[in-house]
Every structure is written in C-alpha cells, then in structure tokens.
C-alpha cells in the first residue's frame, strides 16, 4: 500500500510540475520526450543522472538562461518572471524523469 501511495503522490507531483511548466511557458520550447527548440526533459534527466550538483547547476541555468550545452539556440533567462521556488520544483521534476 505504501508503494501505491508513493506512486500516487509522485504522479500528482509530476502533473503539478507539468502544469507549472505550461504556466511558465517552458513547454513552448521543451517537451517531456522530444526535442522542440530546446532538449527533451528526459534527455536532460539522462545527461545529469548521477550528478549530485545537477540540481543547483540547472536551477542557475534556468534562472539566468544560457546556450551551448544543447546547441546554438539560447535559452532566455526565466528570472524574475518565474519564482525561485517554482524553478526548483521544475528542475526537481525534470531530474526525476
């Protein structure tokens, strides 16, 4: 039963994070499983799997923007229009994929 509840909580957290990604316009350039303008979130999760510093690096990258890690298309900064706690939620969700 604990596993089922944990899975339900995980699914709910994922759907909330995906709704947050939609609200924050992240899904205009990204999707969970395919490249649009930016990388698929599953590809990001795979690239950073096992990297203990990934969360902090990605939070900073989402806040400040960047380019070069996934090609020439720059990602614009998302701060201050996306709150820090929302960026952290999004990054944690992406890394969980």
PDB file of N, CA and C in Angstrom:
ATOM      1  N   UNK A   1       0.821  -1.203   0.000  1.00  0.00           N
ATOM      2  CA  UNK A   1       0.000   0.000   0.000  1.00  0.00           C
ATOM      3  C   UNK A   1       0.864   1.266   0.000  1.00  0.00           C
ATOM      4  N   UNK A   2       1.968   1.246   0.723  1.00  0.00           N
ATOM      5  CA  UNK A   2       2.851   2.410   0.754  1.00  0.00           C
ATOM      6  C   UNK A   2       3.381   2.731  -0.639  1.00  0.00           C
ATOM      7  N   UNK A   3       3.735   1.696  -1.401  1.00  0.00           N
ATOM      8  CA  UNK A   3       4.234   1.909  -2.754  1.00  0.00           C
ATOM      9  C   UNK A   3       3.174   2.573  -3.607  1.00  0.00           C
ATOM     10  N   UNK A   4       1.941   2.117  -3.499  1.00  0.00           N
ATOM     11  CA  UNK A   4       0.853   2.699  -4.272  1.00  0.00           C
ATOM     12  C   UNK A   4       0.653   4.162  -3.905  1.00  0.00           C
ATOM     13  N   UNK A   5       0.674   4.465  -2.621  1.00  0.00           N
ATOM     14  CA  UNK A   5       0.525   5.864  -2.197  1.00  0.00           C
ATOM     15  C   UNK A   5       1.692   6.701  -2.671  1.00  0.00           C
ATOM     16  N   UNK A   6       2.901   6.155  -2.609  1.00  0.00           N
ATOM     17  CA  UNK A   6       4.072   6.874  -3.088  1.00  0.00           C
ATOM     18  C   UNK A   6       3.981   7.156  -4.578  1.00  0.00           C
ATOM     19  N   UNK A   7       3.508   6.162  -5.336  1.00  0.00           N
ATOM     20  CA  UNK A   7       3.349   6.351  -6.781  1.00  0.00           C
ATOM     21  C   UNK A   7       2.293   7.400  -7.061  1.00  0.00           C
ATOM     22  N   UNK A   8       1.196   7.384  -6.310  1.00  0.00           N
ATOM     23  CA  UNK A   8       0.139   8.374  -6.498  1.00  0.00           C
ATOM     24  C   UNK A   8       0.663   9.770  -6.203  1.00  0.00           C
ATOM     25  N   UNK A   9       1.410   9.920  -5.120  1.00  0.00           N
ATOM     26  CA  UNK A   9       1.988  11.223  -4.778  1.00  0.00           C
ATOM     27  C   UNK A   9       2.960  11.674  -5.858  1.00  0.00           C
ATOM     28  N   UNK A  10       3.741  10.730  -6.383  1.00  0.00           N
ATOM     29  CA  UNK A  10       4.702  11.055  -7.439  1.00  0.00           C
ATOM     30  C   UNK A  10       3.991  11.504  -8.710  1.00  0.00           C
ATOM     31  N   UNK A  11       2.932  10.814  -9.089  1.00  0.00           N
ATOM     32  CA  UNK A  11       2.158  11.185 -10.280  1.00  0.00           C
ATOM     33  C   UNK A  11       1.530  12.560 -10.092  1.00  0.00           C
ATOM     34  N   UNK A  12       0.990  12.819  -8.900  1.00  0.00           N
ATOM     35  CA  UNK A  12       0.381  14.127  -8.632  1.00  0.00           C
ATOM     36  C   UNK A  12       1.432  15.227  -8.687  1.00  0.00           C
ATOM     37  N   UNK A  13       2.599  14.979  -8.093  1.00  0.00           N
ATOM     38  CA  UNK A  13       3.665  15.982  -8.127  1.00  0.00           C
ATOM     39  C   UNK A  13       4.104  16.238  -9.561  1.00  0.00           C
ATOM     40  N   UNK A  14       4.214  15.172 -10.362  1.00  0.00           N
ATOM     41  CA  UNK A  14       4.592  15.320 -11.757  1.00  0.00           C
ATOM     42  C   UNK A  14       3.576  16.115 -12.553  1.00  0.00           C
ATOM     43  N   UNK A  15       2.298  15.842 -12.333  1.00  0.00           N
ATOM     44  CA  UNK A  15       1.275  16.571 -13.084  1.00  0.00           C
ATOM     45  C   UNK A  15       1.230  18.028 -12.641  1.00  0.00           C
ATOM     46  N   UNK A  16       1.468  18.295 -11.356  1.00  0.00           N
ATOM     47  CA  UNK A  16       1.533  19.678 -10.884  1.00  0.00           C
ATOM     48  C   UNK A  16       2.727  20.401 -11.490  1.00  0.00           C
ATOM     49  N   UNK A  17       3.853  19.717 -11.566  1.00  0.00           N
ATOM     50  CA  UNK A  17       5.050  20.333 -12.152  1.00  0.00           C
ATOM     51  C   UNK A  17       4.854  20.565 -13.643  1.00  0.00           C
ATOM     52  N   UNK A  18       4.202  19.624 -14.318  1.00  0.00           N
ATOM     53  CA  UNK A  18       3.958  19.811 -15.744  1.00  0.00           C
ATOM     54  C   UNK A  18       3.012  20.994 -15.974  1.00  0.00           C
ATOM     55  N   UNK A  19       2.018  21.155 -15.121  1.00  0.00           N
ATOM     56  CA  UNK A  19       1.128  22.317 -15.213  1.00  0.00           C
ATOM     57  C   UNK A  19       1.916  23.604 -14.963  1.00  0.00           C
ATOM     58  N   UNK A  20       2.845  23.566 -14.028  1.00  0.00           N
ATOM     59  CA  UNK A  20       3.694  24.719 -13.758  1.00  0.00           C
ATOM     60  C   UNK A  20       4.573  25.043 -14.965  1.00  0.00           C
ATOM     61  N   UNK A  21       5.095  24.003 -15.619  1.00  0.00           N
ATOM     62  CA  UNK A  21       5.900  24.200 -16.825  1.00  0.00           C
ATOM     63  C   UNK A  21       5.062  24.857 -17.927  1.00  0.00           C
ATOM     64  N   UNK A  22       3.819  24.435 -18.047  1.00  0.00           N
ATOM     65  CA  UNK A  22       2.912  25.033 -19.045  1.00  0.00           C
ATOM     66  C   UNK A  22       2.671  26.500 -18.707  1.00  0.00           C
ATOM     67  N   UNK A  23       2.346  26.775 -17.453  1.00  0.00           N
ATOM     68  CA  UNK A  23       2.059  28.143 -16.996  1.00  0.00           C
ATOM     69  C   UNK A  23       3.266  29.062 -17.180  1.00  0.00           C
ATOM     70  N   UNK A  24       4.460  28.505 -16.998  1.00  0.00           N
ATOM     71  CA  UNK A  24       5.690  29.297 -17.081  1.00  0.00           C
ATOM     72  C   UNK A  24       6.239  29.385 -18.502  1.00  0.00           C
ATOM     73  N   UNK A  25       5.514  28.856 -19.478  1.00  0.00           N
ATOM     74  CA  UNK A  25       5.873  28.866 -20.901  1.00  0.00           C
ATOM     75  C   UNK A  25       7.074  27.990 -21.249  1.00  0.00           C
ATOM     76  N   UNK A  26       7.462  27.090 -20.359  1.00  0.00           N
ATOM     77  CA  UNK A  26       8.585  26.193 -20.641  1.00  0.00           C
ATOM     78  C   UNK A  26       8.267  25.249 -21.805  1.00  0.00           C
ATOM     79  N   UNK A  27       6.997  24.857 -21.908  1.00  0.00           N
ATOM     80  CA  UNK A  27       6.605  23.862 -22.905  1.00  0.00           C
ATOM     81  C   UNK A  27       6.478  24.450 -24.311  1.00  0.00           C
ATOM     82  N   UNK A  28       6.765  25.731 -24.450  1.00  0.00           N
ATOM     83  CA  UNK A  28       6.829  26.313 -25.785  1.00  0.00           C
ATOM     84  C   UNK A  28       8.112  25.860 -26.491  1.00  0.00           C
ATOM     85  N   UNK A  29       9.162  25.586 -25.710  1.00  0.00           N
ATOM     86  CA  UNK A  29      10.461  25.200 -26.272  1.00  0.00           C
ATOM     87  C   UNK A  29      10.895  23.793 -25.891  1.00  0.00           C
ATOM     88  N   UNK A  30      10.273  23.190 -24.896  1.00  0.00           N
ATOM     89  CA  UNK A  30      10.647  21.865 -24.396  1.00  0.00           C
ATOM     90  C   UNK A  30       9.419  20.966 -24.345  1.00  0.00           C
ATOM     91  N   UNK A  31       9.650  19.675 -24.371  1.00  0.00           N
ATOM     92  CA  UNK A  31       8.609  18.702 -24.055  1.00  0.00           C
ATOM     93  C   UNK A  31       9.253  17.620 -23.201  1.00  0.00           C
ATOM     94  N   UNK A  32       8.446  16.742 -22.676  1.00  0.00           N
ATOM     95  CA  UNK A  32       8.978  15.690 -21.822  1.00  0.00           C
ATOM     96  C   UNK A  32       9.839  14.730 -22.625  1.00  0.00           C
ATOM     97  N   UNK A  33       9.378  14.343 -23.817  1.00  0.00           N
ATOM     98  CA  UNK A  33      10.052  13.240 -24.502  1.00  0.00           C
ATOM     99  C   UNK A  33      10.551  13.525 -25.913  1.00  0.00           C
ATOM    100  N   UNK A  34      10.473  14.769 -26.375  1.00  0.00           N
ATOM    101  CA  UNK A  34      11.040  15.064 -27.692  1.00  0.00           C
ATOM    102  C   UNK A  34      11.607  16.484 -27.726  1.00  0.00           C
ATOM    103  N   UNK A  35      12.641  16.648 -28.533  1.00  0.00           N
ATOM    104  CA  UNK A  35      13.271  17.959 -28.705  1.00  0.00           C
ATOM    105  C   UNK A  35      12.317  18.859 -29.484  1.00  0.00           C
ATOM    106  N   UNK A  36      12.177  20.082 -29.023  1.00  0.00           N
ATOM    107  CA  UNK A  36      11.447  21.102 -29.787  1.00  0.00           C
ATOM    108  C   UNK A  36      12.520  22.118 -30.169  1.00  0.00           C
ATOM    109  N   UNK A  37      12.575  23.257 -29.511  1.00  0.00           N
ATOM    110  CA  UNK A  37      13.696  24.181 -29.689  1.00  0.00           C
ATOM    111  C   UNK A  37      14.813  23.820 -28.716  1.00  0.00           C
ATOM    112  N   UNK A  38      14.415  23.451 -27.518  1.00  0.00           N
ATOM    113  CA  UNK A  38      15.362  23.002 -26.502  1.00  0.00           C
ATOM    114  C   UNK A  38      15.259  21.498 -26.350  1.00  0.00           C
ATOM    115  N   UNK A  39      16.116  20.922 -25.527  1.00  0.00           N
ATOM    116  CA  UNK A  39      16.136  19.460 -25.370  1.00  0.00           C
ATOM    117  C   UNK A  39      14.889  18.936 -24.673  1.00  0.00           C
ATOM    118  N   UNK A  40      14.589  17.662 -24.918  1.00  0.00           N
ATOM    119  CA  UNK A  40      13.528  16.980 -24.185  1.00  0.00           C
ATOM    120  C   UNK A  40      13.946  16.874 -22.726  1.00  0.00           C
ATOM    121  N   UNK A  41      12.995  16.991 -21.837  1.00  0.00           N
ATOM    122  CA  UNK A  41      13.314  16.902 -20.417  1.00  0.00           C
ATOM    123  C   UNK A  41      13.899  15.544 -20.045  1.00  0.00           C
ATOM    124  N   UNK A  42      13.458  14.482 -20.702  1.00  0.00           N
ATOM    125  CA  UNK A  42      14.026  13.161 -20.415  1.00  0.00           C
ATOM    126  C   UNK A  42      15.495  13.115 -20.817  1.00  0.00           C
ATOM    127  N   UNK A  43      15.872  13.826 -21.872  1.00  0.00           N
ATOM    128  CA  UNK A  43      17.280  13.885 -22.275  1.00  0.00           C
ATOM    129  C   UNK A  43      18.106  14.665 -21.247  1.00  0.00           C
ATOM    130  N   UNK A  44      17.521  15.715 -20.692  1.00  0.00           N
ATOM    131  CA  UNK A  44      18.203  16.482 -19.655  1.00  0.00           C
ATOM    132  C   UNK A  44      18.424  15.591 -18.430  1.00  0.00           C
ATOM    133  N   UNK A  45      17.373  14.875 -18.029  1.00  0.00           N
ATOM    134  CA  UNK A  45      17.480  13.977 -16.874  1.00  0.00           C
ATOM    135  C   UNK A  45      18.560  12.922 -17.104  1.00  0.00           C
ATOM    136  N   UNK A  46      18.607  12.369 -18.315  1.00  0.00           N
ATOM    137  CA  UNK A  46      19.605  11.339 -18.628  1.00  0.00           C
ATOM    138  C   UNK A  46      21.024  11.923 -18.584  1.00  0.00           C
ATOM    139  N   UNK A  47      21.203  13.120 -19.118  1.00  0.00           N
ATOM    140  CA  UNK A  47      22.528  13.744 -19.146  1.00  0.00           C
ATOM    141  C   UNK A  47      23.070  13.981 -17.736  1.00  0.00           C
ATOM    142  N   UNK A  48      22.191  14.357 -16.817  1.00  0.00           N
ATOM    143  CA  UNK A  48      22.624  14.723 -15.477  1.00  0.00           C
ATOM    144  C   UNK A  48      22.426  13.617 -14.441  1.00  0.00           C
ATOM    145  N   UNK A  49      22.009  12.437 -14.884  1.00  0.00           N
ATOM    146  CA  UNK A  49      21.788  11.326 -13.952  1.00  0.00           C
ATOM    147  C   UNK A  49      23.079  11.034 -13.177  1.00  0.00           C
ATOM    148  N   UNK A  50      22.945  10.963 -11.860  1.00  0.00           N
ATOM    149  CA  UNK A  50      24.091  10.669 -11.016  1.00  0.00           C
ATOM    150  C   UNK A  50      24.952  11.872 -10.670  1.00  0.00           C
ATOM    151  N   UNK A  51      24.676  13.022 -11.246  1.00  0.00           N
ATOM    152  CA  UNK A  51      25.442  14.242 -10.971  1.00  0.00           C
ATOM    153  C   UNK A  51      24.828  14.929  -9.754  1.00  0.00           C
ATOM    154  N   UNK A  52      25.513  14.863  -8.638  1.00  0.00           N
ATOM    155  CA  UNK A  52      24.986  15.419  -7.382  1.00  0.00           C
ATOM    156  C   UNK A  52      24.821  16.941  -7.428  1.00  0.00           C
ATOM    157  N   UNK A  53      25.531  17.605  -8.322  1.00  0.00           N
ATOM    158  CA  UNK A  53      25.434  19.065  -8.417  1.00  0.00           C
ATOM    159  C   UNK A  53      24.445  19.511  -9.502  1.00  0.00           C
ATOM    160  N   UNK A  54      23.769  18.562 -10.127  1.00  0.00           N
ATOM    161  CA  UNK A  54      22.888  18.885 -11.259  1.00  0.00           C
ATOM    162  C   UNK A  54      21.773  19.852 -10.876  1.00  0.00           C
ATOM    163  N   UNK A  55      21.124  19.616  -9.744  1.00  0.00           N
ATOM    164  CA  UNK A  55      20.001  20.475  -9.372  1.00  0.00           C
ATOM    165  C   UNK A  55      20.431  21.933  -9.276  1.00  0.00           C
ATOM    166  N   UNK A  56      21.498  22.200  -8.565  1.00  0.00           N
ATOM    167  CA  UNK A  56      21.974  23.582  -8.412  1.00  0.00           C
ATOM    168  C   UNK A  56      22.386  24.178  -9.756  1.00  0.00           C
ATOM    169  N   UNK A  57      23.080  23.397 -10.594  1.00  0.00           N
ATOM    170  CA  UNK A  57      23.507  23.892 -11.911  1.00  0.00           C
ATOM    171  C   UNK A  57      22.304  24.247 -12.778  1.00  0.00           C
ATOM    172  N   UNK A  58      21.317  23.355 -12.777  1.00  0.00           N
ATOM    173  CA  UNK A  58      20.156  23.591 -13.637  1.00  0.00           C
ATOM    174  C   UNK A  58      19.280  24.721 -13.124  1.00  0.00           C
ATOM    175  N   UNK A  59      19.157  24.851 -11.825  1.00  0.00           N
ATOM    176  CA  UNK A  59      18.396  25.987 -11.280  1.00  0.00           C
ATOM    177  C   UNK A  59      19.035  27.285 -11.751  1.00  0.00           C
ATOM    178  N   UNK A  60      20.340  27.373 -11.656  1.00  0.00           N
ATOM    179  CA  UNK A  60      21.040  28.592 -12.089  1.00  0.00           C
ATOM    180  C   UNK A  60      20.858  28.814 -13.587  1.00  0.00           C
ATOM    181  N   UNK A  61      20.949  27.733 -14.369  1.00  0.00           N
ATOM    182  CA  UNK A  61      20.820  27.862 -15.818  1.00  0.00           C
ATOM    183  C   UNK A  61      19.405  28.319 -16.204  1.00  0.00           C
ATOM    184  N   UNK A  62      18.395  27.775 -15.538  1.00  0.00           N
ATOM    185  CA  UNK A  62      17.016  28.186 -15.833  1.00  0.00           C
ATOM    186  C   UNK A  62      16.809  29.643 -15.446  1.00  0.00           C
ATOM    187  N   UNK A  63      17.347  30.044 -14.303  1.00  0.00           N
ATOM    188  CA  UNK A  63      17.196  31.432 -13.853  1.00  0.00           C
ATOM    189  C   UNK A  63      17.896  32.408 -14.790  1.00  0.00           C
ATOM    190  N   UNK A  64      19.145  32.121 -15.138  1.00  0.00           N
ATOM    191  CA  UNK A  64      19.969  33.074 -15.879  1.00  0.00           C
ATOM    192  C   UNK A  64      19.913  32.904 -17.395  1.00  0.00           C
ATOM    193  N   UNK A  65      19.448  31.730 -17.857  1.00  0.00           N
ATOM    194  CA  UNK A  65      19.479  31.438 -19.283  1.00  0.00           C
ATOM    195  C   UNK A  65      20.849  30.899 -19.659  1.00  0.00           C
ATOM    196  N   UNK A  66      21.012  30.561 -20.904  1.00  0.00           N
ATOM    197  CA  UNK A  66      22.301  30.053 -21.334  1.00  0.00           C
ATOM    198  C   UNK A  66      22.247  29.525 -22.751  1.00  0.00           C
ATOM    199  N   UNK A  67      23.384  29.095 -23.239  1.00  0.00           N
ATOM    200  CA  UNK A  67      23.455  28.494 -24.572  1.00  0.00           C
ATOM    201  C   UNK A  67      24.697  27.628 -24.654  1.00  0.00           C
ATOM    202  N   UNK A  68      24.718  26.781 -25.660  1.00  0.00           N
ATOM    203  CA  UNK A  68      25.891  25.985 -25.924  1.00  0.00           C
ATOM    204  C   UNK A  68      25.836  24.557 -25.423  1.00  0.00           C
ATOM    205  N   UNK A  69      25.118  24.293 -24.343  1.00  0.00           N
ATOM    206  CA  UNK A  69      25.080  22.939 -23.785  1.00  0.00           C
ATOM    207  C   UNK A  69      24.287  21.987 -24.670  1.00  0.00           C
ATOM    208  N   UNK A  70      23.293  22.509 -25.387  1.00  0.00           N
ATOM    209  CA  UNK A  70      22.405  21.676 -26.211  1.00  0.00           C
ATOM    210  C   UNK A  70      22.319  22.182 -27.644  1.00  0.00           C
ATOM    211  N   UNK A  71      23.252  22.991 -28.054  1.00  0.00           N
ATOM    212  CA  UNK A  71      23.222  23.542 -29.408  1.00  0.00           C
ATOM    213  C   UNK A  71      23.316  25.051 -29.368  1.00  0.00           C
ATOM    214  N   UNK A  72      23.043  25.655 -30.497  1.00  0.00           N
ATOM    215  CA  UNK A  72      23.213  27.101 -30.631  1.00  0.00           C
ATOM    216  C   UNK A  72      22.034  27.919 -30.130  1.00  0.00           C
ATOM    217  N   UNK A  73      20.861  27.310 -29.990  1.00  0.00           N
ATOM    218  CA  UNK A  73      19.660  28.045 -29.578  1.00  0.00           C
ATOM    219  C   UNK A  73      19.782  28.459 -28.114  1.00  0.00           C
ATOM    220  N   UNK A  74      19.821  29.769 -27.835  1.00  0.00           N
ATOM    221  CA  UNK A  74      19.939  30.193 -26.435  1.00  0.00           C
ATOM    222  C   UNK A  74      18.610  30.032 -25.690  1.00  0.00           C
ATOM    223  N   UNK A  75      18.704  29.741 -24.400  1.00  0.00           N
ATOM    224  CA  UNK A  75      17.526  29.741 -23.548  1.00  0.00           C
ATOM    225  C   UNK A  75      17.509  31.078 -22.828  1.00  0.00           C
ATOM    226  N   UNK A  76      16.413  31.828 -22.945  1.00  0.00           N
ATOM    227  CA  UNK A  76      16.356  33.125 -22.274  1.00  0.00           C
ATOM    228  C   UNK A  76      16.271  32.944 -20.760  1.00  0.00           C
ATOM    229  N   UNK A  77      16.672  33.969 -20.017  1.00  0.00           N
ATOM    230  CA  UNK A  77      16.540  33.890 -18.563  1.00  0.00           C
ATOM    231  C   UNK A  77      15.066  33.814 -18.150  1.00  0.00           C
ATOM    232  N   UNK A  78      14.800  33.123 -17.075  1.00  0.00           N
ATOM    233  CA  UNK A  78      13.433  32.957 -16.587  1.00  0.00           C
ATOM    234  C   UNK A  78      13.200  33.645 -15.255  1.00  0.00           C
ATOM    235  N   UNK A  79      14.184  34.365 -14.788  1.00  0.00           N
ATOM    236  CA  UNK A  79      14.043  35.094 -13.545  1.00  0.00           C
ATOM    237  C   UNK A  79      13.982  36.577 -13.900  1.00  0.00           C
ATOM    238  N   UNK A  80      13.141  37.355 -13.363  1.00  0.00           N
ATOM    239  CA  UNK A  80      12.298  37.178 -12.190  1.00  0.00           C
ATOM    240  C   UNK A  80      10.873  36.707 -12.488  1.00  0.00           C
ATOM    241  N   UNK A  81      10.493  36.489 -13.749  1.00  0.00           N
ATOM    242  CA  UNK A  81       9.105  36.149 -14.045  1.00  0.00           C
ATOM    243  C   UNK A  81       8.668  34.789 -13.499  1.00  0.00           C
ATOM    244  N   UNK A  82       9.621  33.870 -13.280  1.00  0.00           N
ATOM    245  CA  UNK A  82       9.307  32.581 -12.654  1.00  0.00           C
ATOM    246  C   UNK A  82       9.975  32.590 -11.279  1.00  0.00           C
ATOM    247  N   UNK A  83       9.163  32.361 -10.255  1.00  0.00           N
ATOM    248  CA  UNK A  83       9.666  32.405  -8.876  1.00  0.00           C
ATOM    249  C   UNK A  83      10.715  31.321  -8.639  1.00  0.00           C
ATOM    250  N   UNK A  84      11.662  31.623  -7.752  1.00  0.00           N
ATOM    251  CA  UNK A  84      12.743  30.684  -7.440  1.00  0.00           C
ATOM    252  C   UNK A  84      12.225  29.323  -7.001  1.00  0.00           C
ATOM    253  N   UNK A  85      11.201  29.313  -6.149  1.00  0.00           N
ATOM    254  CA  UNK A  85      10.675  28.026  -5.677  1.00  0.00           C
ATOM    255  C   UNK A  85      10.018  27.240  -6.815  1.00  0.00           C
ATOM    256  N   UNK A  86       9.447  27.945  -7.788  1.00  0.00           N
ATOM    257  CA  UNK A  86       8.866  27.261  -8.949  1.00  0.00           C
ATOM    258  C   UNK A  86       9.970  26.687  -9.842  1.00  0.00           C
ATOM    259  N   UNK A  87      11.056  27.416 -10.005  1.00  0.00           N
ATOM    260  CA  UNK A  87      12.184  26.904 -10.785  1.00  0.00           C
ATOM    261  C   UNK A  87      12.740  25.646 -10.129  1.00  0.00           C
ATOM    262  N   UNK A  88      12.868  25.664  -8.811  1.00  0.00           N
ATOM    263  CA  UNK A  88      13.363  24.483  -8.093  1.00  0.00           C
ATOM    264  C   UNK A  88      12.417  23.299  -8.299  1.00  0.00           C
ATOM    265  N   UNK A  89      11.126  23.518  -8.207  1.00  0.00           N
ATOM    266  CA  UNK A  89      10.142  22.453  -8.439  1.00  0.00           C
ATOM    267  C   UNK A  89      10.276  21.886  -9.841  1.00  0.00           C
ATOM    268  N   UNK A  90      10.417  22.760 -10.821  1.00  0.00           N
ATOM    269  CA  UNK A  90      10.547  22.320 -12.213  1.00  0.00           C
ATOM    270  C   UNK A  90      11.812  21.496 -12.415  1.00  0.00           C
ATOM    271  N   UNK A  91      12.919  21.962 -11.882  1.00  0.00           N
ATOM    272  CA  UNK A  91      14.194  21.251 -12.043  1.00  0.00           C
ATOM    273  C   UNK A  91      14.132  19.889 -11.351  1.00  0.00           C
ATOM    274  N   UNK A  92      13.573  19.826 -10.164  1.00  0.00           N
ATOM    275  CA  UNK A  92      13.453  18.543  -9.475  1.00  0.00           C
ATOM    276  C   UNK A  92      12.587  17.564 -10.280  1.00  0.00           C
ATOM    277  N   UNK A  93      11.514  18.062 -10.868  1.00  0.00           N
ATOM    278  CA  UNK A  93      10.646  17.222 -11.694  1.00  0.00           C
ATOM    279  C   UNK A  93      11.404  16.714 -12.923  1.00  0.00           C
ATOM    280  N   UNK A  94      12.098  17.620 -13.594  1.00  0.00           N
ATOM    281  CA  UNK A  94      12.852  17.237 -14.798  1.00  0.00           C
ATOM    282  C   UNK A  94      13.876  16.148 -14.461  1.00  0.00           C
ATOM    283  N   UNK A  95      14.600  16.338 -13.379  1.00  0.00           N
ATOM    284  CA  UNK A  95      15.622  15.369 -12.990  1.00  0.00           C
ATOM    285  C   UNK A  95      15.021  14.024 -12.554  1.00  0.00           C
ATOM    286  N   UNK A  96      13.739  14.013 -12.203  1.00  0.00           N
ATOM    287  CA  UNK A  96      13.081  12.775 -11.780  1.00  0.00           C
ATOM    288  C   UNK A  96      12.591  11.926 -12.955  1.00  0.00           C
ATOM    289  N   UNK A  97      12.635  12.488 -14.161  1.00  0.00           N
ATOM    290  CA  UNK A  97      12.082  11.779 -15.327  1.00  0.00           C
ATOM    291  C   UNK A  97      12.968  10.632 -15.763  1.00  0.00           C
TER     292      UNK A  97
END
